[in-house]
Structure formats: structure tokens, C-alpha cells
Amino acid sequence: MVHKYIESKTKILSEKEKEERYKYLSKEVIDINEPGLDSIPEFYGIANAIWHDWVEGKISTKTALGRLMLLKLLTNKNKNRKIANIPDEELEEVRKFIDYVMQVVRNESRRRGEPEEERTA
């Protein structure tokens, strides 16, 4: 019974649809190269999309910070095998950018007067 329900709700994508599909919530970041998080522009694009979703109020401060921390974790080669061929210097730049976005979200939420528990993830 459960399998029938899942099959009825599952959409089968063609190869072209799989290649063109978007990878982030508000459908702003297009997947580049292979499926998955495997290129520098994708890291920047997702961090930027998280920032915009937070500014627009689509996600909370805590959610934005949590997603940014996960994104930063995925810049480590031992956590994400798909970035094995990217130089460490470029990944360090991405980490600095993600840290910057996290700091901006924390500072702006503080200016908005959000309680501390909403700013910690």
C-alpha cells in the first residue's frame, strides 16, 4: 500500500529535466556540471540564495545559519568527495565568503532585535 502511494506521488524526470533542474529552495541556483555540489559557483550561488531567502523572510535566522553551516561543512574534501579536484585555496575562499555571510546574518538579525536563541543554530 505504501509503495503504491509513493509510486503515484513520484515524478519520473527525463535526463534533460534532471540536467536543468534547480537545486535550491527558491529555485535560483542551477546545478552546474555533474549532479550535486561539485563546483565553486554552486557554493557561491547557494550561499547567495540562502542570504536572499533570509532577507525576504522565507526562512528564519536560525534556519539560514544552519544551512550556511552545512554548506561550509560541505567545502571539506573529506565530507564531499565531488570536490576532490578543486584546489584548497579556492575552497578556503569559499569558506571565508560563507563565514562573511553568516556574520552579516547574525549582525542584521541583532539590529532587527531578534532574541539570541533565534540567532544561534
C-alpha atoms as a PDB file:
ATOM      1  CA  MET A   1       0.000   0.000   0.000  1.00  0.00           C
ATOM      2  CA  VAL A   2       2.762   2.424   0.947  1.00  0.00           C
ATOM      3  CA  HIS A   3       4.722   1.542  -2.196  1.00  0.00           C
ATOM      4  CA  LYS A   4       1.711   2.275  -4.409  1.00  0.00           C
ATOM      5  CA  TYR A   5       1.269   5.669  -2.734  1.00  0.00           C
ATOM      6  CA  ILE A   6       4.927   6.548  -3.207  1.00  0.00           C
ATOM      7  CA  GLU A   7       4.843   5.457  -6.850  1.00  0.00           C
ATOM      8  CA  SER A   8       1.736   7.561  -7.501  1.00  0.00           C
ATOM      9  CA  LYS A   9       3.384  10.664  -5.963  1.00  0.00           C
ATOM     10  CA  THR A  10       6.813  10.199  -7.564  1.00  0.00           C
ATOM     11  CA  LYS A  11       7.584  12.070 -10.753  1.00  0.00           C
ATOM     12  CA  ILE A  12       9.985  10.443 -13.192  1.00  0.00           C
ATOM     13  CA  LEU A  13      12.293  13.066 -14.703  1.00  0.00           C
ATOM     14  CA  SER A  14      13.816  12.811 -18.152  1.00  0.00           C
ATOM     15  CA  GLU A  15      17.579  13.216 -18.483  1.00  0.00           C
ATOM     16  CA  LYS A  16      17.132  16.759 -19.795  1.00  0.00           C
ATOM     17  CA  GLU A  17      14.896  17.674 -16.822  1.00  0.00           C
ATOM     18  CA  LYS A  18      17.464  16.215 -14.436  1.00  0.00           C
ATOM     19  CA  GLU A  19      20.215  18.309 -16.012  1.00  0.00           C
ATOM     20  CA  GLU A  20      18.201  21.526 -15.993  1.00  0.00           C
ATOM     21  CA  ARG A  21      16.562  21.214 -12.598  1.00  0.00           C
ATOM     22  CA  TYR A  22      17.348  23.641  -9.859  1.00  0.00           C
ATOM     23  CA  LYS A  23      18.967  22.600  -6.604  1.00  0.00           C
ATOM     24  CA  TYR A  24      17.963  25.168  -4.019  1.00  0.00           C
ATOM     25  CA  LEU A  25      14.679  26.109  -2.338  1.00  0.00           C
ATOM     26  CA  SER A  26      13.604  29.135  -4.270  1.00  0.00           C
ATOM     27  CA  LYS A  27      14.896  27.653  -7.478  1.00  0.00           C
ATOM     28  CA  GLU A  28      17.566  30.297  -8.010  1.00  0.00           C
ATOM     29  CA  VAL A  29      20.681  28.119  -8.265  1.00  0.00           C
ATOM     30  CA  ILE A  30      21.132  25.941 -11.347  1.00  0.00           C
ATOM     31  CA  ASP A  31      23.173  22.768 -10.989  1.00  0.00           C
ATOM     32  CA  ILE A  32      26.488  23.137 -12.828  1.00  0.00           C
ATOM     33  CA  ASN A  33      28.474  20.193 -14.237  1.00  0.00           C
ATOM     34  CA  GLU A  34      27.559  16.876 -12.624  1.00  0.00           C
ATOM     35  CA  PRO A  35      24.559  16.491 -10.307  1.00  0.00           C
ATOM     36  CA  GLY A  36      25.404  17.535  -6.761  1.00  0.00           C
ATOM     37  CA  LEU A  37      27.538  20.180  -5.130  1.00  0.00           C
ATOM     38  CA  ASP A  38      30.725  19.926  -7.151  1.00  0.00           C
ATOM     39  CA  SER A  39      31.812  23.387  -8.328  1.00  0.00           C
ATOM     40  CA  ILE A  40      32.811  26.716  -6.798  1.00  0.00           C
ATOM     41  CA  PRO A  41      29.997  28.735  -8.462  1.00  0.00           C
ATOM     42  CA  GLU A  42      27.426  26.420  -6.865  1.00  0.00           C
ATOM     43  CA  PHE A  43      28.775  27.184  -3.375  1.00  0.00           C
ATOM     44  CA  TYR A  44      28.595  30.922  -4.014  1.00  0.00           C
ATOM     45  CA  GLY A  45      25.163  30.619  -5.620  1.00  0.00           C
ATOM     46  CA  ILE A  46      23.677  28.634  -2.743  1.00  0.00           C
ATOM     47  CA  ALA A  47      25.138  30.970  -0.110  1.00  0.00           C
ATOM     48  CA  ASN A  48      23.690  33.909  -2.040  1.00  0.00           C
ATOM     49  CA  ALA A  49      20.294  32.186  -2.369  1.00  0.00           C
ATOM     50  CA  ILE A  50      20.212  31.473   1.383  1.00  0.00           C
ATOM     51  CA  TRP A  51      21.013  35.132   2.047  1.00  0.00           C
ATOM     52  CA  HIS A  52      18.216  36.328  -0.275  1.00  0.00           C
ATOM     53  CA  ASP A  53      15.688  33.911   1.208  1.00  0.00           C
ATOM     54  CA  TRP A  54      16.570  35.171   4.690  1.00  0.00           C
ATOM     55  CA  VAL A  55      16.289  38.831   3.640  1.00  0.00           C
ATOM     56  CA  GLU A  56      12.910  38.164   2.032  1.00  0.00           C
ATOM     57  CA  GLY A  57      11.702  36.383   5.176  1.00  0.00           C
ATOM     58  CA  LYS A  58      11.231  32.986   3.542  1.00  0.00           C
ATOM     59  CA  ILE A  59      13.448  31.330   6.166  1.00  0.00           C
ATOM     60  CA  SER A  60      14.277  32.191   9.770  1.00  0.00           C
ATOM     61  CA  THR A  61      17.663  33.349  11.014  1.00  0.00           C
ATOM     62  CA  LYS A  62      18.268  30.014  12.709  1.00  0.00           C
ATOM     63  CA  THR A  63      17.434  28.128   9.503  1.00  0.00           C
ATOM     64  CA  ALA A  64      19.683  30.389   7.415  1.00  0.00           C
ATOM     65  CA  LEU A  65      22.608  29.938   9.794  1.00  0.00           C
ATOM     66  CA  GLY A  66      22.089  26.175   9.920  1.00  0.00           C
ATOM     67  CA  ARG A  67      22.078  25.922   6.141  1.00  0.00           C
ATOM     68  CA  LEU A  68      25.175  28.083   5.860  1.00  0.00           C
ATOM     69  CA  MET A  69      26.982  25.878   8.399  1.00  0.00           C
ATOM     70  CA  LEU A  70      26.043  22.786   6.418  1.00  0.00           C
ATOM     71  CA  LEU A  71      27.240  24.445   3.213  1.00  0.00           C
ATOM     72  CA  LYS A  72      30.543  25.289   4.902  1.00  0.00           C
ATOM     73  CA  LEU A  73      30.862  21.682   6.100  1.00  0.00           C
ATOM     74  CA  LEU A  74      30.458  20.514   2.503  1.00  0.00           C
ATOM     75  CA  THR A  75      33.537  22.540   1.497  1.00  0.00           C
ATOM     76  CA  ASN A  76      35.677  19.937   3.299  1.00  0.00           C
ATOM     77  CA  LYS A  77      37.049  17.318   0.947  1.00  0.00           C
ATOM     78  CA  ASN A  78      36.533  14.505   3.449  1.00  0.00           C
ATOM     79  CA  LYS A  79      32.804  15.360   3.674  1.00  0.00           C
ATOM     80  CA  ASN A  80      32.212  15.917  -0.059  1.00  0.00           C
ATOM     81  CA  ARG A  81      34.036  13.583  -2.454  1.00  0.00           C
ATOM     82  CA  LYS A  82      32.858  15.535  -5.507  1.00  0.00           C
ATOM     83  CA  ILE A  83      35.209  18.456  -4.778  1.00  0.00           C
ATOM     84  CA  ALA A  84      38.393  16.382  -4.609  1.00  0.00           C
ATOM     85  CA  ASN A  85      39.867  18.087  -7.696  1.00  0.00           C
ATOM     86  CA  ILE A  86      39.219  21.683  -6.522  1.00  0.00           C
ATOM     87  CA  PRO A  87      42.307  23.457  -5.120  1.00  0.00           C
ATOM     88  CA  ASP A  88      42.360  24.065  -1.357  1.00  0.00           C
ATOM     89  CA  GLU A  89      42.956  27.794  -1.868  1.00  0.00           C
ATOM     90  CA  GLU A  90      39.664  28.175  -3.740  1.00  0.00           C
ATOM     91  CA  LEU A  91      37.794  26.204  -1.090  1.00  0.00           C
ATOM     92  CA  GLU A  92      39.302  28.421   1.605  1.00  0.00           C
ATOM     93  CA  GLU A  93      37.994  31.485  -0.236  1.00  0.00           C
ATOM     94  CA  VAL A  94      34.527  29.913  -0.321  1.00  0.00           C
ATOM     95  CA  ARG A  95      34.729  29.210   3.428  1.00  0.00           C
ATOM     96  CA  LYS A  96      35.665  32.846   4.074  1.00  0.00           C
ATOM     97  CA  PHE A  97      32.713  34.004   1.973  1.00  0.00           C
ATOM     98  CA  ILE A  98      30.313  31.701   3.845  1.00  0.00           C
ATOM     99  CA  ASP A  99      31.700  32.959   7.171  1.00  0.00           C
ATOM    100  CA  TYR A 100      31.138  36.518   5.969  1.00  0.00           C
ATOM    101  CA  VAL A 101      27.509  35.781   5.019  1.00  0.00           C
ATOM    102  CA  MET A 102      26.936  34.111   8.405  1.00  0.00           C
ATOM    103  CA  GLN A 103      28.344  37.146  10.209  1.00  0.00           C
ATOM    104  CA  VAL A 104      26.154  39.514   8.197  1.00  0.00           C
ATOM    105  CA  VAL A 105      23.039  37.453   9.006  1.00  0.00           C
ATOM    106  CA  ARG A 106      23.912  37.479  12.725  1.00  0.00           C
ATOM    107  CA  ASN A 107      24.590  41.230  12.756  1.00  0.00           C
ATOM    108  CA  GLU A 108      21.462  42.119  10.790  1.00  0.00           C
ATOM    109  CA  SER A 109      19.281  39.901  12.994  1.00  0.00           C
ATOM    110  CA  ARG A 110      20.767  41.625  16.038  1.00  0.00           C
ATOM    111  CA  ARG A 111      19.859  45.002  14.504  1.00  0.00           C
ATOM    112  CA  ARG A 112      16.337  43.732  13.891  1.00  0.00           C
ATOM    113  CA  GLY A 113      16.123  42.949  17.590  1.00  0.00           C
ATOM    114  CA  GLU A 114      15.721  39.190  17.290  1.00  0.00           C
ATOM    115  CA  PRO A 115      16.316  37.232  20.521  1.00  0.00           C
ATOM    116  CA  GLU A 116      19.654  35.445  20.883  1.00  0.00           C
ATOM    117  CA  GLU A 117      18.087  31.953  20.664  1.00  0.00           C
ATOM    118  CA  GLU A 118      16.829  32.779  17.164  1.00  0.00           C
ATOM    119  CA  ARG A 119      20.357  33.685  16.050  1.00  0.00           C
ATOM    120  CA  THR A 120      22.080  30.518  17.214  1.00  0.00           C
ATOM    121  CA  ALA A 121      21.999  27.376  15.155  1.00  0.00           C
END
